[in-house]
Amino acid sequence: MEEKELKALVSLLDEEDENILGHVEQKIRSLGDRIIPVLEKEWERNLNPVVQERIENIIHSLQFENLKEKLTEWSEEEEPELLDGLFLVAKYQYPDLEYQLLTDKLNDIYLDTWLLFKDNMHYYDQIRTLNSIFFNKYKFSGNTKNFHSPTNSFINAVLESGKGNPILLCSIYMIVANRLNIPLYGVNLPNLFILMYKNKQTEFYLNVFNRGLIFREEDIDNYLENIHVPKKPEYYQPCTNKDIIKRVLRNLIMAFESLEDQEKTEEIRELLQIFMPLPGL
């Protein structure tokens, strides 16, 4: 379809007949996200608020379908990259987000830490150095004042503000640490997400939400006892990147529910459903 035909099709969005309008919208959606630039230009040109709203709805539905496809592809990889998954989640709220923006900010943290690293550095010193850069230079901290805000679950927003929830702070910390060859992994605890340092020589845990506090297995025992939750093996061992993204999506569901945003709540449920096996499989 030529651009003239596309523009003519989009111009029919001011149609009042519901049947005709339905056919027009269906035809536009069938063209996929390549028509989005044309829709955006029409939105700027058209001063009719009804038409603008229809255009906004179509653009969002096209972007959402594209996001579902990309996240499905990511979920089907054997060992998908965490940053890629976090980027896709952020694209839900920020569809124009550029991947380069994330890598640039992460590279800054990585390089500042790498410059302070020394050969054969003890693992505690590695953690202390990364903590200093992460918490003192870049001022990352837990968003305790607005803990349930959706922005706490979007990596670009957390990189920009320096404030986030436990899982996003841990994720950013872990991505930087892994680039520095520090063996950190995510651990899913009830109501808390932490990191585990694990190699052949030693194992210990980090609470990034509490400024990188180091603790041991018995501290997890005490935590579970205090919240009256029985011990499970998965509370002490690394989880997968897919587990991390699933938890990020669950956090978003709770965040949008708290805002009583039913539409976004249901759409995030759709994204989470990508990771849920079908009954009987």
Protein backbone atom coordinates (compact mmCIF):
# COMPACT_ATOMS: atom_id res chain seq x y z
CA MET A 1 0.00 0.00 0.00
CA GLU A 2 1.38 3.39 -1.04
CA GLU A 3 1.73 6.26 1.44
CA LYS A 4 -1.12 8.15 -0.26
CA GLU A 5 -3.42 5.17 0.28
CA LEU A 6 -2.30 4.88 3.89
CA LYS A 7 -3.08 8.54 4.52
CA ALA A 8 -6.47 8.19 2.84
CA LEU A 9 -7.25 5.20 5.06
CA VAL A 10 -6.22 7.04 8.22
CA SER A 11 -8.34 10.06 7.19
CA LEU A 12 -11.43 7.82 7.46
CA LEU A 13 -11.01 7.64 11.24
CA ASP A 14 -13.41 10.56 11.55
CA GLU A 15 -16.19 8.30 10.27
CA GLU A 16 -19.31 8.34 12.48
CA ASP A 17 -20.81 5.07 11.25
CA GLU A 18 -19.65 2.43 13.77
CA ASN A 19 -19.63 -0.39 11.21
CA ILE A 20 -17.52 1.54 8.71
CA LEU A 21 -15.23 2.78 11.49
CA GLY A 22 -14.75 -0.79 12.72
CA HIS A 23 -13.68 -1.94 9.25
CA VAL A 24 -11.30 1.02 8.90
CA GLU A 25 -9.65 0.37 12.27
CA GLN A 26 -9.35 -3.34 11.51
CA LYS A 27 -7.69 -2.59 8.16
CA ILE A 28 -5.26 -0.16 9.78
CA ARG A 29 -4.33 -2.66 12.50
CA SER A 30 -3.77 -5.36 9.87
CA LEU A 31 -0.93 -3.25 8.41
CA GLY A 32 1.13 -3.64 11.59
CA ASP A 33 3.45 -1.19 13.28
CA ARG A 34 4.83 0.16 9.96
CA ILE A 35 1.79 2.45 9.81
CA ILE A 36 2.56 4.06 13.18
CA PRO A 37 4.58 6.99 11.69
CA VAL A 38 1.65 7.81 9.40
CA LEU A 39 -0.73 7.67 12.37
CA GLU A 40 1.53 9.94 14.41
CA LYS A 41 1.63 12.54 11.62
CA GLU A 42 -2.14 12.41 11.30
CA TRP A 43 -2.49 12.86 15.07
CA GLU A 44 -0.41 16.05 14.88
CA ARG A 45 -2.35 17.34 11.85
CA ASN A 46 -5.87 16.47 12.97
CA LEU A 47 -7.39 18.76 15.59
CA ASN A 48 -10.46 16.59 16.19
CA PRO A 49 -10.08 15.16 19.74
CA VAL A 50 -12.24 12.13 18.89
CA VAL A 51 -10.00 11.22 15.95
CA GLN A 52 -6.88 11.85 18.04
CA GLU A 53 -8.15 9.47 20.70
CA ARG A 54 -8.89 6.81 18.08
CA ILE A 55 -5.39 7.21 16.67
CA GLU A 56 -3.86 6.95 20.15
CA ASN A 57 -5.79 3.74 20.82
CA ILE A 58 -4.70 2.17 17.53
CA ILE A 59 -1.05 3.12 18.05
CA HIS A 60 -1.11 1.67 21.55
CA SER A 61 -2.70 -1.58 20.39
CA LEU A 62 -0.12 -1.95 17.60
CA GLN A 63 2.76 -1.26 19.98
CA PHE A 64 1.33 -3.65 22.55
CA GLU A 65 0.97 -6.49 20.03
CA ASN A 66 4.55 -5.89 18.88
CA LEU A 67 5.72 -5.94 22.51
CA LYS A 68 3.96 -9.26 23.14
CA GLU A 69 5.71 -10.77 20.12
CA LYS A 70 9.13 -9.53 21.25
CA LEU A 71 8.60 -10.69 24.85
CA THR A 72 7.43 -14.10 23.61
CA GLU A 73 10.62 -14.42 21.57
CA TRP A 74 12.67 -13.43 24.62
CA SER A 75 10.87 -15.96 26.83
CA GLU A 76 11.61 -18.75 24.34
CA GLU A 77 15.37 -18.20 24.46
CA GLU A 78 17.25 -20.75 26.57
CA GLU A 79 19.23 -18.15 28.54
CA PRO A 80 17.90 -14.70 27.64
CA GLU A 81 19.78 -11.57 28.66
CA LEU A 82 18.28 -9.81 31.68
CA LEU A 83 18.82 -6.33 30.26
CA ASP A 84 16.90 -7.26 27.11
CA GLY A 85 13.95 -8.43 29.21
CA LEU A 86 13.96 -5.31 31.37
CA PHE A 87 14.14 -3.17 28.23
CA LEU A 88 11.03 -4.87 26.83
CA VAL A 89 9.11 -4.37 30.08
CA ALA A 90 10.03 -0.68 30.05
CA LYS A 91 8.85 -0.39 26.43
CA TYR A 92 5.32 -1.02 27.67
CA GLN A 93 5.24 2.37 29.39
CA TYR A 94 7.87 4.07 27.22
CA PRO A 95 7.36 2.72 23.67
CA ASP A 96 9.93 5.12 22.16
CA LEU A 97 12.68 4.09 24.60
CA GLU A 98 16.05 3.46 22.93
CA TYR A 99 18.19 0.53 24.07
CA GLN A 100 21.30 2.68 23.71
CA LEU A 101 20.06 4.96 26.48
CA LEU A 102 20.19 2.05 28.93
CA THR A 103 23.58 0.76 27.80
CA ASP A 104 25.12 4.24 27.99
CA LYS A 105 24.04 4.70 31.61
CA LEU A 106 25.09 1.18 32.60
CA ASN A 107 28.46 1.66 30.88
CA ASP A 108 29.08 4.77 32.98
CA ILE A 109 28.55 2.83 36.22
CA TYR A 110 30.65 -0.07 34.94
CA LEU A 111 33.59 2.10 33.86
CA ASP A 112 33.65 4.11 37.09
CA THR A 113 33.80 0.87 39.07
CA TRP A 114 36.29 -0.86 36.75
CA LEU A 115 38.76 2.01 37.13
CA LEU A 116 38.93 1.28 40.87
CA PHE A 117 39.34 -2.47 40.51
CA LYS A 118 42.74 -4.08 41.07
CA ASP A 119 44.20 -7.45 40.11
CA ASN A 120 43.37 -10.29 42.51
CA MET A 121 41.02 -8.05 44.47
CA HIS A 122 39.29 -9.83 47.36
CA TYR A 123 35.59 -10.41 46.76
CA TYR A 124 34.57 -8.30 49.77
CA ASP A 125 36.66 -5.44 48.41
CA GLN A 126 34.98 -5.83 45.03
CA ILE A 127 31.58 -5.50 46.67
CA ARG A 128 32.69 -2.53 48.79
CA THR A 129 33.99 -0.78 45.67
CA LEU A 130 30.82 -1.39 43.69
CA ASN A 131 28.73 -0.30 46.68
CA SER A 132 30.67 2.95 46.87
CA ILE A 133 30.06 3.75 43.20
CA PHE A 134 26.46 2.55 43.18
CA PHE A 135 25.24 4.18 46.38
CA ASN A 136 27.61 7.10 46.94
CA LYS A 137 28.45 8.33 43.44
CA TYR A 138 25.23 7.44 41.60
CA LYS A 139 23.00 7.80 44.68
CA PHE A 140 20.87 4.69 44.08
CA SER A 141 18.42 4.03 46.89
CA GLY A 142 15.14 2.32 47.64
CA ASN A 143 12.03 4.32 46.84
CA THR A 144 10.53 3.95 50.30
CA LYS A 145 8.29 7.03 50.01
CA ASN A 146 6.54 5.77 46.88
CA PHE A 147 7.28 2.06 47.05
CA HIS A 148 4.35 0.91 44.89
CA SER A 149 4.86 3.39 42.05
CA PRO A 150 4.99 1.70 38.60
CA THR A 151 8.13 3.70 37.77
CA ASN A 152 10.05 1.58 40.30
CA SER A 153 9.71 -1.34 37.87
CA PHE A 154 10.96 0.39 34.71
CA ILE A 155 14.73 0.25 34.31
CA ASN A 156 15.04 3.55 32.42
CA ALA A 157 13.11 5.39 35.14
CA VAL A 158 15.23 3.83 37.90
CA LEU A 159 18.48 4.64 36.07
CA GLU A 160 17.26 8.22 35.66
CA SER A 161 15.98 8.85 39.19
CA GLY A 162 18.26 6.52 41.14
CA LYS A 163 15.23 5.22 43.04
CA GLY A 164 13.56 1.85 42.63
CA ASN A 165 12.20 -1.26 44.26
CA PRO A 166 14.39 -4.19 45.44
CA ILE A 167 14.24 -6.19 42.21
CA LEU A 168 15.13 -3.31 39.87
CA LEU A 169 17.97 -2.08 42.11
CA CYS A 170 19.28 -5.65 42.32
CA SER A 171 18.96 -6.12 38.57
CA ILE A 172 20.94 -2.99 37.71
CA TYR A 173 23.55 -3.84 40.35
CA MET A 174 23.84 -7.41 39.05
CA ILE A 175 24.14 -6.39 35.39
CA VAL A 176 27.07 -4.11 36.25
CA ALA A 177 28.64 -6.71 38.58
CA ASN A 178 28.45 -9.48 35.98
CA ARG A 179 30.27 -7.28 33.48
CA LEU A 180 32.99 -6.97 36.10
CA ASN A 181 33.07 -10.78 36.38
CA ILE A 182 31.54 -10.69 39.86
CA PRO A 183 29.41 -13.87 40.20
CA LEU A 184 26.14 -12.39 41.45
CA TYR A 185 22.72 -13.96 40.91
CA GLY A 186 19.16 -13.00 41.80
CA VAL A 187 17.32 -14.73 44.65
CA ASN A 188 13.54 -14.62 45.04
CA LEU A 189 12.47 -14.16 48.67
CA PRO A 190 8.90 -13.47 49.77
CA ASN A 191 8.35 -9.69 49.69
CA LEU A 192 12.05 -9.09 49.01
CA PHE A 193 14.54 -9.64 46.23
CA ILE A 194 18.25 -10.07 47.00
CA LEU A 195 21.49 -11.14 45.31
CA MET A 196 23.73 -14.11 45.94
CA TYR A 197 27.51 -14.12 45.50
CA LYS A 198 28.37 -17.67 44.53
CA ASN A 199 31.60 -19.28 43.34
CA LYS A 200 33.66 -22.35 44.29
CA GLN A 201 35.23 -20.59 47.25
CA THR A 202 32.34 -18.86 49.00
CA GLU A 203 28.67 -17.98 49.13
CA PHE A 204 26.95 -14.99 50.71
CA TYR A 205 24.03 -12.65 50.05
CA LEU A 206 23.52 -8.95 49.35
CA ASN A 207 20.53 -6.77 50.14
CA VAL A 208 20.86 -4.01 47.55
CA PHE A 209 17.69 -2.32 48.78
CA ASN A 210 19.55 -1.89 52.09
CA ARG A 211 22.66 -0.31 50.50
CA GLY A 212 24.39 -3.60 49.67
CA LEU A 213 24.24 -5.09 53.16
CA ILE A 214 26.06 -8.45 53.27
CA PHE A 215 24.41 -11.30 55.12
CA ARG A 216 24.48 -15.08 55.43
CA GLU A 217 22.13 -18.04 55.22
CA GLU A 218 21.12 -17.68 58.86
CA ASP A 219 19.95 -14.14 58.13
CA ILE A 220 17.55 -15.53 55.55
CA ASP A 221 16.41 -18.06 58.18
CA ASN A 222 15.66 -15.19 60.58
CA TYR A 223 13.90 -13.17 57.87
CA LEU A 224 11.60 -16.06 56.96
CA GLU A 225 10.90 -16.76 60.62
CA ASN A 226 9.99 -13.10 61.24
CA ILE A 227 7.48 -13.05 58.37
CA HIS A 228 6.18 -16.52 59.30
CA VAL A 229 7.04 -18.17 56.00
CA PRO A 230 8.31 -21.80 55.86
CA LYS A 231 11.75 -22.38 54.38
CA LYS A 232 12.01 -23.47 50.74
CA PRO A 233 15.17 -24.34 48.76
CA GLU A 234 14.46 -21.60 46.17
CA TYR A 235 14.78 -18.95 48.89
CA TYR A 236 18.48 -19.74 49.16
CA GLN A 237 19.52 -20.35 45.54
CA PRO A 238 19.74 -18.31 42.32
CA CYS A 239 16.67 -17.81 40.16
CA THR A 240 16.61 -17.39 36.38
CA ASN A 241 16.33 -14.19 34.37
CA LYS A 242 12.87 -15.34 33.32
CA ASP A 243 11.91 -15.57 37.00
CA ILE A 244 13.12 -12.00 37.48
CA ILE A 245 11.01 -10.65 34.62
CA LYS A 246 7.95 -12.54 35.88
CA ARG A 247 8.38 -10.94 39.28
CA VAL A 248 8.83 -7.49 37.73
CA LEU A 249 5.54 -7.99 35.88
CA ARG A 250 3.78 -9.11 39.07
CA ASN A 251 5.05 -5.99 40.81
CA LEU A 252 3.63 -3.91 37.96
CA ILE A 253 0.25 -5.61 38.27
CA MET A 254 0.13 -4.66 41.96
CA ALA A 255 1.28 -1.12 41.16
CA PHE A 256 -1.41 -0.52 38.54
CA GLU A 257 -4.03 -2.19 40.74
CA SER A 258 -3.16 0.26 43.53
CA LEU A 259 -3.76 3.09 41.04
CA GLU A 260 -7.05 1.45 39.99
CA ASP A 261 -5.85 1.42 36.38
CA GLN A 262 -7.78 -1.60 35.17
CA GLU A 263 -6.69 -1.37 31.53
CA LYS A 264 -2.97 -1.42 32.31
CA THR A 265 -3.47 -4.08 34.97
CA GLU A 266 -5.08 -6.40 32.43
CA GLU A 267 -2.45 -5.70 29.78
CA ILE A 268 0.39 -6.53 32.18
CA ARG A 269 -1.47 -9.73 33.07
CA GLU A 270 -1.40 -10.55 29.36
CA LEU A 271 2.37 -10.07 29.31
CA LEU A 272 2.78 -12.26 32.39
CA GLN A 273 0.63 -14.94 30.75
CA ILE A 274 3.37 -15.34 28.13
CA PHE A 275 5.43 -17.10 30.80
CA MET A 276 2.60 -19.28 32.10
CA PRO A 277 2.40 -22.83 30.67
CA LEU A 278 -0.91 -23.87 29.19
CA PRO A 279 -2.99 -26.33 31.28
CA GLY A 280 -2.01 -29.91 30.66
CA LEU A 281 1.45 -29.10 29.29
